[in-house]
């Protein structure tokens, strides 16, 4: 189960320009979900770039989440659930 997203500070979100492990995790998950959503290939760069934000907006739109291009708790939870379901399906 993926539960790496910070609980604090309240309202935390990953956004364009952010760097670090969580950005890498998001990019990896998007890469795994690529074949389900027909996303363009995401480069795992450790930087929350325009391509990552664009793909997150597409993911949010398709999942009924407010389209911000940022990864907040709601978006993270949806990414994690779908990633975990994909892993279960592939077993």
Protein backbone atom coordinates (compact mmCIF):
# COMPACT_ATOMS: atom_id res chain seq x y z
CA UNK A 1 0.00 0.00 0.00
CA UNK A 2 1.30 3.46 -0.89
CA UNK A 3 0.88 5.83 2.02
CA UNK A 4 3.85 8.15 1.73
CA UNK A 5 1.98 11.42 1.41
CA UNK A 6 2.57 13.86 4.29
CA UNK A 7 -0.27 14.29 6.74
CA UNK A 8 1.13 17.66 7.80
CA UNK A 9 1.12 20.50 7.11
CA UNK A 10 -2.62 20.47 6.49
CA UNK A 11 -3.40 21.15 2.85
CA UNK A 12 0.07 20.20 1.59
CA UNK A 13 0.28 19.73 -2.18
CA UNK A 14 3.03 18.96 -4.67
CA UNK A 15 3.18 21.54 -7.43
CA UNK A 16 5.27 22.75 -10.35
CA UNK A 17 8.88 23.33 -9.38
CA UNK A 18 8.87 20.97 -6.39
CA UNK A 19 11.65 18.39 -6.18
CA UNK A 20 12.24 15.28 -4.12
CA UNK A 21 11.26 11.72 -3.45
CA UNK A 22 7.50 12.33 -3.50
CA UNK A 23 7.76 13.88 -6.96
CA UNK A 24 9.70 10.82 -8.12
CA UNK A 25 7.00 8.57 -6.60
CA UNK A 26 4.24 10.48 -8.42
CA UNK A 27 6.13 10.28 -11.72
CA UNK A 28 6.68 6.55 -11.22
CA UNK A 29 2.97 5.97 -10.50
CA UNK A 30 1.97 7.98 -13.57
CA UNK A 31 4.35 5.83 -15.60
CA UNK A 32 2.72 2.68 -14.25
CA UNK A 33 -0.77 4.03 -15.03
CA UNK A 34 0.35 5.14 -18.50
CA UNK A 35 -1.02 2.07 -20.27
CA UNK A 36 -4.44 2.38 -18.59
CA UNK A 37 -4.85 6.06 -19.38
CA UNK A 38 -2.78 6.33 -22.53
CA UNK A 39 -0.75 9.09 -20.88
CA UNK A 40 2.31 10.40 -22.70
CA UNK A 41 5.54 8.95 -21.34
CA UNK A 42 6.63 10.63 -18.11
CA UNK A 43 10.33 11.13 -17.48
CA UNK A 44 11.27 10.35 -13.90
CA UNK A 45 13.28 13.48 -13.23
CA UNK A 46 12.69 14.19 -9.53
CA UNK A 47 11.32 17.60 -10.64
CA UNK A 48 7.61 18.44 -10.81
CA UNK A 49 7.74 19.77 -14.35
CA UNK A 50 5.13 20.92 -16.86
CA UNK A 51 4.68 17.39 -18.26
CA UNK A 52 3.95 16.04 -14.77
CA UNK A 53 1.45 18.84 -14.06
CA UNK A 54 -0.28 18.29 -17.41
CA UNK A 55 -0.60 14.55 -16.79
CA UNK A 56 -1.91 15.15 -13.27
CA UNK A 57 -4.55 17.53 -14.66
CA UNK A 58 -5.62 14.81 -17.12
CA UNK A 59 -5.76 12.24 -14.30
CA UNK A 60 -7.80 14.59 -12.12
CA UNK A 61 -10.22 15.36 -14.95
CA UNK A 62 -10.80 11.68 -15.66
CA UNK A 63 -11.36 10.88 -11.99
CA UNK A 64 -13.74 13.67 -11.04
CA UNK A 65 -11.16 15.47 -8.92
CA UNK A 66 -10.86 19.25 -8.95
CA UNK A 67 -8.40 20.02 -11.76
CA UNK A 68 -5.47 21.92 -10.26
CA UNK A 69 -2.41 20.19 -11.68
CA UNK A 70 -1.21 19.77 -8.10
CA UNK A 71 -1.06 16.56 -6.09
CA UNK A 72 -2.97 17.04 -2.86
CA UNK A 73 -4.17 14.30 -0.51
CA UNK A 74 -7.26 13.54 -2.64
CA UNK A 75 -5.24 13.19 -5.84
CA UNK A 76 -2.54 11.16 -4.08
CA UNK A 77 -5.15 8.78 -2.64
CA UNK A 78 -6.70 8.25 -6.09
CA UNK A 79 -3.26 7.61 -7.63
CA UNK A 80 -2.37 5.17 -4.85
CA UNK A 81 -5.67 3.26 -5.09
CA UNK A 82 -5.39 2.86 -8.84
CA UNK A 83 -1.72 1.86 -8.62
CA UNK A 84 -2.52 -0.75 -5.96
CA UNK A 85 -5.41 -2.11 -8.03
CA UNK A 86 -3.12 -2.35 -11.04
CA UNK A 87 -0.59 -4.35 -8.99
CA UNK A 88 -3.33 -6.69 -7.74
CA UNK A 89 -4.62 -7.19 -11.29
CA UNK A 90 -1.15 -8.06 -12.57
CA UNK A 91 -0.55 -10.73 -9.89
